[in-house]
N, C-alpha and C. Protein backbone atom coordinates (compact mmCIF):
# COMPACT_ATOMS: atom_id res chain seq x y z
N UNK A 1 24.64 16.60 57.19
CA UNK A 1 23.69 15.53 56.85
C UNK A 1 22.43 16.10 56.22
N UNK A 2 21.95 17.19 56.82
CA UNK A 2 20.74 17.85 56.28
C UNK A 2 21.02 18.36 54.88
N UNK A 3 22.26 18.94 54.72
CA UNK A 3 22.63 19.46 53.39
C UNK A 3 22.63 18.34 52.36
N UNK A 4 23.15 17.18 52.74
CA UNK A 4 23.18 16.04 51.82
C UNK A 4 21.77 15.59 51.45
N UNK A 5 20.87 15.55 52.44
CA UNK A 5 19.49 15.17 52.19
C UNK A 5 18.81 16.15 51.24
N UNK A 6 19.11 17.44 51.47
CA UNK A 6 18.53 18.47 50.60
C UNK A 6 19.03 18.31 49.17
N UNK A 7 20.34 18.01 49.06
CA UNK A 7 20.91 17.81 47.72
C UNK A 7 20.27 16.60 47.03
N UNK A 8 20.06 15.54 47.81
CA UNK A 8 19.41 14.33 47.26
C UNK A 8 18.00 14.65 46.78
N UNK A 9 17.28 15.43 47.57
CA UNK A 9 15.90 15.80 47.20
C UNK A 9 15.90 16.63 45.92
N UNK A 10 16.87 17.54 45.84
CA UNK A 10 16.99 18.38 44.64
C UNK A 10 17.28 17.51 43.42
N UNK A 11 18.20 16.56 43.60
CA UNK A 11 18.55 15.66 42.49
C UNK A 11 17.35 14.84 42.04
N UNK A 12 16.59 14.35 43.02
CA UNK A 12 15.41 13.55 42.70
C UNK A 12 14.39 14.39 41.96
N UNK A 13 14.18 15.61 42.44
CA UNK A 13 13.22 16.50 41.79
C UNK A 13 13.68 16.88 40.39
N UNK A 14 14.99 17.10 40.26
CA UNK A 14 15.54 17.43 38.94
C UNK A 14 15.33 16.26 37.98
N UNK A 15 15.58 15.04 38.46
CA UNK A 15 15.38 13.85 37.64
C UNK A 15 13.91 13.71 37.23
N UNK A 16 13.03 13.97 38.20
CA UNK A 16 11.59 13.87 37.89
C UNK A 16 11.17 14.90 36.86
N UNK A 17 11.74 16.11 36.97
CA UNK A 17 11.43 17.17 36.00
C UNK A 17 11.88 16.75 34.60
N UNK A 18 13.09 16.19 34.53
CA UNK A 18 13.61 15.73 33.24
C UNK A 18 12.73 14.62 32.67
N UNK A 19 12.28 13.73 33.54
CA UNK A 19 11.42 12.64 33.10
C UNK A 19 10.06 13.16 32.62
N UNK A 20 9.56 14.19 33.30
CA UNK A 20 8.28 14.79 32.90
C UNK A 20 8.42 15.42 31.51
N UNK A 21 9.54 16.11 31.29
CA UNK A 21 9.79 16.71 29.98
C UNK A 21 9.88 15.62 28.91
N UNK A 22 10.59 14.55 29.22
CA UNK A 22 10.70 13.41 28.31
C UNK A 22 9.32 12.83 27.99
N UNK A 23 8.52 12.69 29.04
CA UNK A 23 7.19 12.11 28.88
C UNK A 23 6.34 12.94 27.94
N UNK A 24 6.30 14.25 28.17
CA UNK A 24 5.51 15.12 27.31
C UNK A 24 6.00 15.07 25.86
N UNK A 25 7.33 15.03 25.71
CA UNK A 25 7.92 14.97 24.36
C UNK A 25 7.54 13.65 23.66
N UNK A 26 7.61 12.54 24.39
CA UNK A 26 7.24 11.24 23.82
C UNK A 26 5.77 11.22 23.40
N UNK A 27 4.92 11.79 24.25
CA UNK A 27 3.49 11.83 23.94
C UNK A 27 3.22 12.65 22.68
N UNK A 28 3.88 13.80 22.59
CA UNK A 28 3.70 14.65 21.40
C UNK A 28 4.21 13.97 20.14
N UNK A 29 5.38 13.35 20.23
CA UNK A 29 5.96 12.68 19.06
C UNK A 29 5.15 11.46 18.64
N UNK A 30 4.59 10.75 19.61
CA UNK A 30 3.75 9.59 19.29
C UNK A 30 2.49 10.02 18.54
N UNK A 31 1.90 11.12 19.00
CA UNK A 31 0.71 11.66 18.32
C UNK A 31 1.08 12.10 16.90
N UNK A 32 2.28 12.65 16.75
CA UNK A 32 2.74 13.07 15.42
C UNK A 32 2.95 11.86 14.52
N UNK A 33 3.44 10.76 15.07
CA UNK A 33 3.63 9.54 14.29
C UNK A 33 2.30 9.03 13.74
N UNK A 34 1.25 9.14 14.55
CA UNK A 34 -0.10 8.74 14.09
C UNK A 34 -0.53 9.61 12.92
N UNK A 35 -0.26 10.91 13.03
CA UNK A 35 -0.63 11.84 11.95
C UNK A 35 0.14 11.51 10.67
N UNK A 36 1.43 11.25 10.81
CA UNK A 36 2.24 10.89 9.63
C UNK A 36 1.72 9.62 8.97
N UNK A 37 1.38 8.63 9.79
CA UNK A 37 0.87 7.36 9.25
C UNK A 37 -0.47 7.58 8.55
N UNK A 38 -1.30 8.45 9.12
CA UNK A 38 -2.59 8.78 8.49
C UNK A 38 -2.38 9.45 7.14
N UNK A 39 -1.37 10.32 7.06
CA UNK A 39 -1.05 10.99 5.80
C UNK A 39 -0.55 10.01 4.75
N UNK A 40 0.24 9.02 5.18
CA UNK A 40 0.72 7.99 4.26
C UNK A 40 -0.43 7.15 3.73
N UNK A 41 -1.37 6.82 4.60
CA UNK A 41 -2.56 6.07 4.18
C UNK A 41 -3.37 6.87 3.17
N UNK A 42 -3.53 8.15 3.44
CA UNK A 42 -4.27 9.04 2.54
C UNK A 42 -3.60 9.11 1.17
N UNK A 43 -2.27 9.22 1.18
CA UNK A 43 -1.52 9.28 -0.08
C UNK A 43 -1.65 7.97 -0.84
N UNK A 44 -1.60 6.85 -0.13
CA UNK A 44 -1.73 5.53 -0.75
C UNK A 44 -3.06 5.41 -1.50
N UNK A 45 -4.13 5.84 -0.86
CA UNK A 45 -5.46 5.69 -1.44
C UNK A 45 -5.75 6.70 -2.55
N UNK A 46 -5.17 7.89 -2.45
CA UNK A 46 -5.51 8.96 -3.39
C UNK A 46 -4.54 9.10 -4.56
N UNK A 47 -3.29 8.71 -4.36
CA UNK A 47 -2.31 8.96 -5.42
C UNK A 47 -1.62 7.69 -5.95
N UNK A 48 -1.67 6.58 -5.22
CA UNK A 48 -1.04 5.34 -5.69
C UNK A 48 -2.09 4.51 -6.42
N UNK A 49 -2.40 4.95 -7.64
CA UNK A 49 -3.55 4.41 -8.35
C UNK A 49 -3.15 3.66 -9.62
N UNK A 50 -2.19 4.20 -10.35
CA UNK A 50 -1.82 3.64 -11.66
C UNK A 50 -1.34 2.19 -11.54
N UNK A 51 -1.66 1.41 -12.56
CA UNK A 51 -1.23 0.01 -12.61
C UNK A 51 -0.18 -0.22 -13.69
N UNK A 52 0.26 0.85 -14.34
CA UNK A 52 1.30 0.73 -15.35
C UNK A 52 0.76 0.42 -16.73
N UNK A 53 1.49 0.87 -17.75
CA UNK A 53 1.07 0.64 -19.14
C UNK A 53 1.65 -0.65 -19.70
N UNK A 54 2.65 -1.21 -19.02
CA UNK A 54 3.23 -2.47 -19.46
C UNK A 54 3.83 -3.17 -18.24
N UNK A 55 4.33 -4.39 -18.46
CA UNK A 55 4.83 -5.19 -17.33
C UNK A 55 6.01 -4.52 -16.64
N UNK A 56 6.92 -3.93 -17.41
CA UNK A 56 8.11 -3.32 -16.82
C UNK A 56 7.74 -2.14 -15.92
N UNK A 57 6.85 -1.29 -16.41
CA UNK A 57 6.43 -0.13 -15.60
C UNK A 57 5.71 -0.59 -14.33
N UNK A 58 4.90 -1.63 -14.45
CA UNK A 58 4.15 -2.13 -13.30
C UNK A 58 5.10 -2.71 -12.25
N UNK A 59 6.16 -3.38 -12.70
CA UNK A 59 7.16 -3.91 -11.77
C UNK A 59 7.86 -2.78 -11.02
N UNK A 60 8.12 -1.67 -11.72
CA UNK A 60 8.73 -0.49 -11.08
C UNK A 60 7.78 0.08 -10.03
N UNK A 61 6.49 0.14 -10.37
CA UNK A 61 5.48 0.64 -9.42
C UNK A 61 5.40 -0.25 -8.18
N UNK A 62 5.52 -1.56 -8.38
CA UNK A 62 5.47 -2.49 -7.25
C UNK A 62 6.67 -2.29 -6.34
N UNK A 63 7.85 -2.08 -6.93
CA UNK A 63 9.06 -1.85 -6.14
C UNK A 63 8.95 -0.53 -5.36
N UNK A 64 8.41 0.50 -6.01
CA UNK A 64 8.21 1.79 -5.33
C UNK A 64 7.23 1.64 -4.17
N UNK A 65 6.20 0.83 -4.39
CA UNK A 65 5.21 0.62 -3.33
C UNK A 65 5.84 -0.07 -2.12
N UNK A 66 6.71 -1.04 -2.37
CA UNK A 66 7.36 -1.75 -1.27
C UNK A 66 8.23 -0.80 -0.44
N UNK A 67 8.89 0.14 -1.11
CA UNK A 67 9.69 1.14 -0.39
C UNK A 67 8.79 2.07 0.41
N UNK A 68 7.64 2.39 -0.16
CA UNK A 68 6.65 3.23 0.52
C UNK A 68 6.15 2.53 1.79
N UNK A 69 5.92 1.22 1.69
CA UNK A 69 5.47 0.43 2.84
C UNK A 69 6.55 0.41 3.92
N UNK A 70 7.82 0.36 3.50
CA UNK A 70 8.92 0.38 4.47
C UNK A 70 8.90 1.67 5.29
N UNK A 71 8.59 2.78 4.63
CA UNK A 71 8.50 4.08 5.33
C UNK A 71 7.37 4.04 6.35
N UNK A 72 6.23 3.49 5.93
CA UNK A 72 5.07 3.40 6.83
C UNK A 72 5.38 2.48 8.01
N UNK A 73 6.06 1.37 7.73
CA UNK A 73 6.43 0.42 8.80
C UNK A 73 7.34 1.11 9.82
N UNK A 74 8.30 1.88 9.32
CA UNK A 74 9.22 2.61 10.22
C UNK A 74 8.46 3.63 11.06
N UNK A 75 7.48 4.29 10.46
CA UNK A 75 6.68 5.28 11.17
C UNK A 75 5.87 4.61 12.28
N UNK A 76 5.27 3.46 11.95
CA UNK A 76 4.50 2.72 12.95
C UNK A 76 5.41 2.25 14.09
N UNK A 77 6.56 1.68 13.75
CA UNK A 77 7.50 1.19 14.78
C UNK A 77 7.97 2.34 15.67
N UNK A 78 8.21 3.50 15.06
CA UNK A 78 8.64 4.69 15.81
C UNK A 78 7.56 5.08 16.82
N UNK A 79 6.31 5.08 16.38
CA UNK A 79 5.19 5.41 17.27
C UNK A 79 5.08 4.42 18.42
N UNK A 80 5.24 3.12 18.12
CA UNK A 80 5.16 2.09 19.15
C UNK A 80 6.27 2.27 20.19
N UNK A 81 7.47 2.56 19.72
CA UNK A 81 8.60 2.74 20.64
C UNK A 81 8.37 3.92 21.57
N UNK A 82 7.83 5.00 21.01
CA UNK A 82 7.55 6.18 21.82
C UNK A 82 6.49 5.89 22.88
N UNK A 83 5.48 5.12 22.50
CA UNK A 83 4.41 4.80 23.46
C UNK A 83 4.91 3.84 24.54
N UNK A 84 5.82 2.95 24.17
CA UNK A 84 6.43 2.07 25.18
C UNK A 84 7.26 2.89 26.16
N UNK A 85 7.93 3.92 25.63
CA UNK A 85 8.73 4.80 26.49
C UNK A 85 7.84 5.56 27.47
N UNK A 86 6.66 5.98 27.01
CA UNK A 86 5.75 6.71 27.91
C UNK A 86 5.29 5.80 29.04
N UNK A 87 5.10 4.52 28.77
CA UNK A 87 4.68 3.58 29.82
C UNK A 87 5.77 3.47 30.89
N UNK A 88 7.02 3.34 30.45
CA UNK A 88 8.14 3.23 31.39
C UNK A 88 8.27 4.51 32.22
N UNK A 89 8.16 5.65 31.55
CA UNK A 89 8.28 6.93 32.26
C UNK A 89 7.14 7.12 33.25
N UNK A 90 5.94 6.72 32.87
CA UNK A 90 4.78 6.86 33.78
C UNK A 90 4.94 5.97 35.00
N UNK A 91 5.50 4.78 34.79
CA UNK A 91 5.73 3.88 35.93
C UNK A 91 6.75 4.50 36.88
N UNK A 92 7.78 5.11 36.32
CA UNK A 92 8.81 5.74 37.14
C UNK A 92 8.27 6.94 37.90
N UNK A 93 7.40 7.70 37.20
CA UNK A 93 6.84 8.92 37.79
C UNK A 93 5.57 8.65 38.60
N UNK A 94 5.08 7.39 38.50
CA UNK A 94 3.84 7.00 39.19
C UNK A 94 2.70 7.93 38.80
N UNK A 95 2.57 8.11 37.49
CA UNK A 95 1.50 8.96 36.98
C UNK A 95 0.81 8.26 35.82
N UNK A 96 -0.26 8.86 35.33
CA UNK A 96 -0.99 8.32 34.18
C UNK A 96 -0.69 9.19 32.97
N UNK A 97 -0.41 8.55 31.85
CA UNK A 97 -0.11 9.29 30.62
C UNK A 97 -1.35 10.05 30.16
N UNK A 98 -1.13 11.25 29.68
CA UNK A 98 -2.26 12.06 29.22
C UNK A 98 -2.91 11.49 27.96
N UNK A 99 -2.06 10.99 27.05
CA UNK A 99 -2.60 10.66 25.73
C UNK A 99 -2.34 9.24 25.25
N UNK A 100 -1.38 8.52 25.87
CA UNK A 100 -1.01 7.22 25.31
C UNK A 100 -2.17 6.23 25.31
N UNK A 101 -3.07 6.38 26.26
CA UNK A 101 -4.23 5.49 26.29
C UNK A 101 -5.10 5.63 25.07
N UNK A 102 -5.13 6.83 24.50
CA UNK A 102 -5.91 7.10 23.29
C UNK A 102 -5.05 6.92 22.04
N UNK A 103 -3.77 7.24 22.15
CA UNK A 103 -2.88 7.23 20.98
C UNK A 103 -2.60 5.82 20.48
N UNK A 104 -2.39 4.86 21.39
CA UNK A 104 -2.08 3.49 20.99
C UNK A 104 -3.20 2.87 20.15
N UNK A 105 -4.47 2.95 20.56
CA UNK A 105 -5.55 2.42 19.70
C UNK A 105 -5.62 3.12 18.34
N UNK A 106 -5.38 4.43 18.34
CA UNK A 106 -5.40 5.17 17.07
C UNK A 106 -4.27 4.71 16.15
N UNK A 107 -3.08 4.55 16.74
CA UNK A 107 -1.93 4.09 15.95
C UNK A 107 -2.19 2.71 15.36
N UNK A 108 -2.69 1.80 16.19
CA UNK A 108 -2.96 0.44 15.71
C UNK A 108 -4.06 0.42 14.66
N UNK A 109 -5.07 1.26 14.83
CA UNK A 109 -6.19 1.31 13.88
C UNK A 109 -5.72 1.80 12.50
N UNK A 110 -4.94 2.89 12.51
CA UNK A 110 -4.45 3.44 11.23
C UNK A 110 -3.50 2.45 10.56
N UNK A 111 -2.66 1.79 11.36
CA UNK A 111 -1.72 0.81 10.79
C UNK A 111 -2.48 -0.37 10.17
N UNK A 112 -3.52 -0.83 10.83
CA UNK A 112 -4.32 -1.92 10.29
C UNK A 112 -4.96 -1.51 8.96
N UNK A 113 -5.49 -0.29 8.92
CA UNK A 113 -6.08 0.23 7.68
C UNK A 113 -5.03 0.32 6.58
N UNK A 114 -3.85 0.77 6.94
CA UNK A 114 -2.77 0.90 5.96
C UNK A 114 -2.39 -0.47 5.39
N UNK A 115 -2.23 -1.46 6.28
CA UNK A 115 -1.80 -2.79 5.81
C UNK A 115 -2.86 -3.42 4.90
N UNK A 116 -4.13 -3.21 5.21
CA UNK A 116 -5.21 -3.76 4.36
C UNK A 116 -5.18 -3.10 2.98
N UNK A 117 -5.06 -1.77 2.96
CA UNK A 117 -5.01 -1.04 1.69
C UNK A 117 -3.74 -1.42 0.91
N UNK A 118 -2.63 -1.57 1.62
CA UNK A 118 -1.36 -1.92 0.97
C UNK A 118 -1.43 -3.31 0.34
N UNK A 119 -2.01 -4.26 1.05
CA UNK A 119 -2.14 -5.63 0.52
C UNK A 119 -3.00 -5.63 -0.74
N UNK A 120 -4.04 -4.81 -0.76
CA UNK A 120 -4.89 -4.73 -1.95
C UNK A 120 -4.13 -4.11 -3.12
N UNK A 121 -3.33 -3.09 -2.83
CA UNK A 121 -2.51 -2.45 -3.85
C UNK A 121 -1.53 -3.47 -4.47
N UNK A 122 -0.87 -4.24 -3.61
CA UNK A 122 0.08 -5.26 -4.08
C UNK A 122 -0.64 -6.30 -4.94
N UNK A 123 -1.81 -6.73 -4.49
CA UNK A 123 -2.57 -7.74 -5.23
C UNK A 123 -2.91 -7.23 -6.63
N UNK A 124 -3.34 -5.98 -6.73
CA UNK A 124 -3.70 -5.41 -8.04
C UNK A 124 -2.47 -5.29 -8.95
N UNK A 125 -1.37 -4.84 -8.37
CA UNK A 125 -0.14 -4.70 -9.16
C UNK A 125 0.35 -6.06 -9.65
N UNK A 126 0.28 -7.08 -8.80
CA UNK A 126 0.72 -8.42 -9.21
C UNK A 126 -0.19 -8.98 -10.31
N UNK A 127 -1.49 -8.71 -10.20
CA UNK A 127 -2.42 -9.13 -11.26
C UNK A 127 -2.10 -8.40 -12.56
N UNK A 128 -1.78 -7.10 -12.45
CA UNK A 128 -1.46 -6.30 -13.63
C UNK A 128 -0.18 -6.79 -14.29
N UNK A 129 0.82 -7.19 -13.48
CA UNK A 129 2.07 -7.72 -14.04
C UNK A 129 1.78 -9.00 -14.82
N UNK A 130 0.97 -9.88 -14.25
CA UNK A 130 0.62 -11.14 -14.93
C UNK A 130 -0.13 -10.85 -16.22
N UNK A 131 -1.06 -9.90 -16.17
CA UNK A 131 -1.85 -9.55 -17.35
C UNK A 131 -0.97 -8.97 -18.46
N UNK A 132 -0.16 -7.97 -18.11
CA UNK A 132 0.70 -7.31 -19.11
C UNK A 132 1.74 -8.27 -19.67
N UNK A 133 2.35 -9.08 -18.79
CA UNK A 133 3.40 -10.01 -19.24
C UNK A 133 2.85 -10.99 -20.27
N UNK A 134 1.70 -11.59 -19.97
CA UNK A 134 1.09 -12.55 -20.90
C UNK A 134 0.61 -11.88 -22.18
N UNK A 135 0.05 -10.68 -22.04
CA UNK A 135 -0.43 -9.95 -23.22
C UNK A 135 0.74 -9.58 -24.13
N UNK A 136 1.85 -9.18 -23.54
CA UNK A 136 3.02 -8.78 -24.34
C UNK A 136 3.60 -9.97 -25.10
N UNK A 137 3.58 -11.15 -24.48
CA UNK A 137 4.06 -12.35 -25.18
C UNK A 137 3.21 -12.62 -26.42
N UNK A 138 1.91 -12.41 -26.28
CA UNK A 138 0.99 -12.66 -27.40
C UNK A 138 1.14 -11.60 -28.49
N UNK A 139 1.24 -10.34 -28.07
CA UNK A 139 1.23 -9.23 -29.03
C UNK A 139 2.56 -9.07 -29.76
N UNK A 140 3.65 -9.51 -29.13
CA UNK A 140 4.94 -9.43 -29.81
C UNK A 140 5.09 -10.66 -30.70
N UNK A 141 5.39 -10.46 -31.97
CA UNK A 141 5.55 -11.57 -32.89
C UNK A 141 6.79 -12.36 -32.50
N UNK A 142 6.60 -13.65 -32.21
CA UNK A 142 7.71 -14.53 -31.83
C UNK A 142 7.73 -15.73 -32.77
N UNK A 143 8.32 -15.58 -33.93
CA UNK A 143 8.32 -16.69 -34.89
C UNK A 143 9.00 -17.95 -34.37
N UNK A 144 9.94 -17.77 -33.40
CA UNK A 144 10.62 -18.95 -32.88
C UNK A 144 9.73 -19.72 -31.91
N UNK A 145 8.61 -19.12 -31.48
CA UNK A 145 7.70 -19.80 -30.57
C UNK A 145 6.26 -19.73 -31.08
N UNK A 146 5.99 -20.23 -32.26
CA UNK A 146 4.64 -20.12 -32.81
C UNK A 146 3.62 -20.91 -32.00
N UNK A 147 4.07 -22.02 -31.38
CA UNK A 147 3.11 -22.83 -30.63
C UNK A 147 2.59 -22.07 -29.42
N UNK A 148 3.41 -21.15 -28.86
CA UNK A 148 2.98 -20.37 -27.69
C UNK A 148 1.88 -19.40 -28.08
N UNK A 149 2.01 -18.81 -29.28
CA UNK A 149 1.03 -17.84 -29.73
C UNK A 149 -0.29 -18.52 -30.08
N UNK A 150 -0.21 -19.75 -30.55
CA UNK A 150 -1.42 -20.46 -30.97
C UNK A 150 -2.12 -21.18 -29.82
N UNK A 151 -1.62 -21.02 -28.63
CA UNK A 151 -2.20 -21.70 -27.48
C UNK A 151 -3.49 -20.97 -27.05
N UNK A 152 -4.63 -21.61 -27.28
CA UNK A 152 -5.92 -20.99 -26.93
C UNK A 152 -6.04 -20.75 -25.43
N UNK A 153 -5.46 -21.64 -24.65
CA UNK A 153 -5.54 -21.49 -23.19
C UNK A 153 -4.88 -20.20 -22.73
N UNK A 154 -3.82 -19.82 -23.43
CA UNK A 154 -3.11 -18.60 -23.06
C UNK A 154 -3.99 -17.37 -23.30
N UNK A 155 -4.71 -17.39 -24.40
CA UNK A 155 -5.65 -16.30 -24.69
C UNK A 155 -6.75 -16.25 -23.63
N UNK A 156 -7.26 -17.43 -23.28
CA UNK A 156 -8.32 -17.50 -22.26
C UNK A 156 -7.83 -16.97 -20.92
N UNK A 157 -6.57 -17.31 -20.59
CA UNK A 157 -6.00 -16.87 -19.32
C UNK A 157 -5.86 -15.34 -19.27
N UNK A 158 -5.40 -14.76 -20.37
CA UNK A 158 -5.25 -13.30 -20.43
C UNK A 158 -6.61 -12.63 -20.26
N UNK A 159 -7.60 -13.17 -20.93
CA UNK A 159 -8.95 -12.60 -20.84
C UNK A 159 -9.49 -12.72 -19.41
N UNK A 160 -9.24 -13.87 -18.78
CA UNK A 160 -9.73 -14.09 -17.42
C UNK A 160 -9.06 -13.14 -16.42
N UNK A 161 -7.73 -13.00 -16.55
CA UNK A 161 -7.00 -12.10 -15.64
C UNK A 161 -7.43 -10.65 -15.87
N UNK A 162 -7.61 -10.29 -17.15
CA UNK A 162 -8.05 -8.93 -17.47
C UNK A 162 -9.41 -8.61 -16.87
N UNK A 163 -10.33 -9.55 -16.99
CA UNK A 163 -11.68 -9.35 -16.43
C UNK A 163 -11.63 -9.29 -14.89
N UNK A 164 -10.81 -10.15 -14.30
CA UNK A 164 -10.67 -10.14 -12.83
C UNK A 164 -10.09 -8.81 -12.36
N UNK A 165 -9.14 -8.29 -13.12
CA UNK A 165 -8.52 -7.01 -12.78
C UNK A 165 -9.53 -5.87 -12.89
N UNK A 166 -10.34 -5.90 -13.93
CA UNK A 166 -11.39 -4.89 -14.09
C UNK A 166 -12.39 -4.95 -12.95
N UNK A 167 -12.76 -6.16 -12.56
CA UNK A 167 -13.69 -6.32 -11.42
C UNK A 167 -13.06 -5.79 -10.14
N UNK A 168 -11.76 -6.07 -9.99
CA UNK A 168 -11.05 -5.68 -8.76
C UNK A 168 -11.04 -4.15 -8.60
N UNK A 169 -10.97 -3.44 -9.71
CA UNK A 169 -10.92 -1.97 -9.66
C UNK A 169 -12.20 -1.37 -9.05
N UNK A 170 -13.30 -2.10 -9.16
CA UNK A 170 -14.58 -1.57 -8.68
C UNK A 170 -14.84 -1.94 -7.21
N UNK A 171 -13.93 -2.73 -6.63
CA UNK A 171 -14.13 -3.20 -5.26
C UNK A 171 -13.44 -2.24 -4.28
N UNK A 172 -14.14 -1.78 -3.24
CA UNK A 172 -13.49 -0.90 -2.27
C UNK A 172 -12.63 -1.67 -1.28
N UNK A 173 -11.76 -0.95 -0.61
CA UNK A 173 -11.02 -1.52 0.51
C UNK A 173 -11.95 -1.48 1.72
N UNK A 174 -12.14 -2.62 2.36
CA UNK A 174 -13.06 -2.69 3.51
C UNK A 174 -12.23 -2.86 4.79
N UNK A 175 -12.43 -1.94 5.73
CA UNK A 175 -11.69 -1.98 6.99
C UNK A 175 -12.43 -2.82 8.03
N UNK A 176 -11.74 -3.22 9.10
CA UNK A 176 -12.37 -4.06 10.14
C UNK A 176 -13.64 -3.46 10.74
N UNK A 177 -13.73 -2.13 10.78
CA UNK A 177 -14.93 -1.51 11.37
C UNK A 177 -16.08 -1.42 10.38
N UNK A 178 -15.87 -1.94 9.15
CA UNK A 178 -16.94 -1.95 8.16
C UNK A 178 -16.93 -0.78 7.20
N UNK A 179 -16.09 0.22 7.47
CA UNK A 179 -16.02 1.37 6.57
C UNK A 179 -15.30 0.97 5.29
N UNK A 180 -15.61 1.69 4.21
CA UNK A 180 -15.05 1.38 2.89
C UNK A 180 -14.31 2.58 2.31
N UNK A 181 -13.30 2.30 1.50
CA UNK A 181 -12.53 3.36 0.85
C UNK A 181 -12.07 2.87 -0.51
N UNK A 182 -12.24 3.71 -1.53
CA UNK A 182 -11.79 3.34 -2.88
C UNK A 182 -10.43 3.95 -3.18
N UNK A 183 -9.71 3.32 -4.09
CA UNK A 183 -8.46 3.89 -4.59
C UNK A 183 -8.79 4.95 -5.64
N UNK A 184 -8.39 6.19 -5.37
CA UNK A 184 -8.57 7.25 -6.35
C UNK A 184 -10.03 7.63 -6.56
N UNK A 185 -10.25 8.47 -7.58
CA UNK A 185 -11.59 8.95 -7.92
C UNK A 185 -12.20 8.06 -8.99
N UNK A 186 -13.49 8.21 -9.26
CA UNK A 186 -14.13 7.43 -10.34
C UNK A 186 -13.45 7.64 -11.69
N UNK A 187 -12.99 8.86 -11.95
CA UNK A 187 -12.31 9.13 -13.23
C UNK A 187 -10.96 8.41 -13.30
N UNK A 188 -10.26 8.33 -12.15
CA UNK A 188 -9.00 7.57 -12.10
C UNK A 188 -9.26 6.10 -12.42
N UNK A 189 -10.31 5.58 -11.81
CA UNK A 189 -10.68 4.18 -12.02
C UNK A 189 -11.04 3.92 -13.48
N UNK A 190 -11.79 4.86 -14.06
CA UNK A 190 -12.22 4.71 -15.46
C UNK A 190 -11.03 4.73 -16.41
N UNK A 191 -10.06 5.60 -16.13
CA UNK A 191 -8.87 5.71 -16.97
C UNK A 191 -8.05 4.42 -16.93
N UNK A 192 -7.88 3.86 -15.74
CA UNK A 192 -7.13 2.60 -15.60
C UNK A 192 -7.85 1.46 -16.30
N UNK A 193 -9.16 1.40 -16.13
CA UNK A 193 -9.97 0.34 -16.75
C UNK A 193 -9.92 0.44 -18.27
N UNK A 194 -9.94 1.66 -18.79
CA UNK A 194 -9.92 1.86 -20.24
C UNK A 194 -8.64 1.30 -20.86
N UNK A 195 -7.52 1.51 -20.18
CA UNK A 195 -6.24 1.01 -20.71
C UNK A 195 -6.24 -0.52 -20.73
N UNK A 196 -6.78 -1.14 -19.69
CA UNK A 196 -6.84 -2.61 -19.63
C UNK A 196 -7.74 -3.14 -20.74
N UNK A 197 -8.87 -2.49 -20.95
CA UNK A 197 -9.79 -2.93 -22.01
C UNK A 197 -9.15 -2.78 -23.39
N UNK A 198 -8.40 -1.71 -23.59
CA UNK A 198 -7.72 -1.51 -24.88
C UNK A 198 -6.72 -2.64 -25.13
N UNK A 199 -5.98 -3.03 -24.09
CA UNK A 199 -5.01 -4.12 -24.23
C UNK A 199 -5.73 -5.44 -24.50
N UNK A 200 -6.88 -5.64 -23.85
CA UNK A 200 -7.66 -6.86 -24.08
C UNK A 200 -8.19 -6.92 -25.51
N UNK A 201 -8.56 -5.77 -26.05
CA UNK A 201 -9.05 -5.71 -27.44
C UNK A 201 -7.95 -6.09 -28.42
N UNK A 202 -6.73 -5.61 -28.15
CA UNK A 202 -5.59 -5.95 -29.02
C UNK A 202 -5.30 -7.45 -28.99
N UNK A 203 -5.39 -8.03 -27.79
CA UNK A 203 -5.16 -9.47 -27.66
C UNK A 203 -6.23 -10.24 -28.39
N UNK A 204 -7.48 -9.80 -28.27
CA UNK A 204 -8.59 -10.47 -28.95
C UNK A 204 -8.44 -10.36 -30.47
N UNK A 205 -7.96 -9.21 -30.94
CA UNK A 205 -7.74 -9.02 -32.38
C UNK A 205 -6.66 -9.99 -32.87
N UNK A 206 -5.60 -10.14 -32.05
CA UNK A 206 -4.53 -11.09 -32.39
C UNK A 206 -5.07 -12.51 -32.47
N UNK A 207 -5.96 -12.80 -31.58
CA UNK A 207 -6.57 -14.14 -31.55
C UNK A 207 -7.36 -14.39 -32.84
N UNK A 208 -8.13 -13.39 -33.25
CA UNK A 208 -8.93 -13.52 -34.48
C UNK A 208 -8.02 -13.67 -35.71
N UNK A 209 -6.91 -12.94 -35.70
CA UNK A 209 -5.98 -13.02 -36.82
C UNK A 209 -5.35 -14.40 -36.94
N UNK A 210 -5.06 -15.01 -35.79
CA UNK A 210 -4.47 -16.35 -35.79
C UNK A 210 -5.48 -17.42 -36.17
N UNK A 211 -6.73 -17.17 -35.78
CA UNK A 211 -7.80 -18.12 -36.13
C UNK A 211 -8.13 -18.05 -37.62
N UNK A 212 -8.10 -16.82 -38.13
CA UNK A 212 -8.49 -16.60 -39.54
C UNK A 212 -7.40 -15.81 -40.25
N UNK A 213 -6.27 -16.41 -40.54
CA UNK A 213 -5.16 -15.69 -41.17
C UNK A 213 -5.52 -15.16 -42.55
N UNK A 214 -6.51 -15.79 -43.19
CA UNK A 214 -6.91 -15.30 -44.52
C UNK A 214 -7.51 -13.91 -44.45
N UNK A 215 -8.11 -13.55 -43.28
CA UNK A 215 -8.67 -12.19 -43.11
C UNK A 215 -7.58 -11.15 -43.15
N UNK A 216 -6.44 -11.46 -42.54
CA UNK A 216 -5.31 -10.53 -42.53
C UNK A 216 -4.76 -10.35 -43.93
N UNK A 217 -4.66 -11.48 -44.65
CA UNK A 217 -4.14 -11.44 -46.03
C UNK A 217 -5.05 -10.62 -46.92
N UNK A 218 -6.35 -10.82 -46.74
CA UNK A 218 -7.33 -10.09 -47.55
C UNK A 218 -7.28 -8.59 -47.30
N UNK A 219 -7.17 -8.26 -45.99
CA UNK A 219 -7.16 -6.84 -45.60
C UNK A 219 -5.90 -6.15 -46.12
N UNK A 220 -4.77 -6.87 -46.08
CA UNK A 220 -3.51 -6.25 -46.52
C UNK A 220 -3.41 -6.24 -48.03
């Protein structure tokens, strides 16, 4: 009987040791998930800057961004699962987790920052798709749709979207704690803005040509 009790105690202690090892591993991996998510946020803000030179390229960038968000979502979910596991293990071991109390707020904070920055990125890309798509319709000669090219409202809409997009580039991402972060460097921003302005100039030139076709005839 004593031997059986000793064996039971050994088994219990062995189980507790295994659970302790699991707990430490979960805590370490959860902290690593926070670091990975922070790196993804950093990459989003520093390298996911371009808005594309035309509608097709911008659509490709939007699709790539959605896949990037899927990776971040998986990383966040992985971190949450690990932290939930630490809670269960701590309850079983009747102990307090070393790091989960600090890791969970950090994970949630970084994820919130990521989602805010991601939503802004999507908004800019969608605006760029609308801008490029409408500009391309105007700039490509479509003799079968002359009424579309002569629509003044369409020109006004392109100009309005272009200006809104330019304004958007100068706005930082604002986090819940009040801190701000810009996409890319000032030179990155200037390069993107320059391309949009060039496209707007071409659209405006097309508008002038349609208003005064005799100018085109004279020049040619």
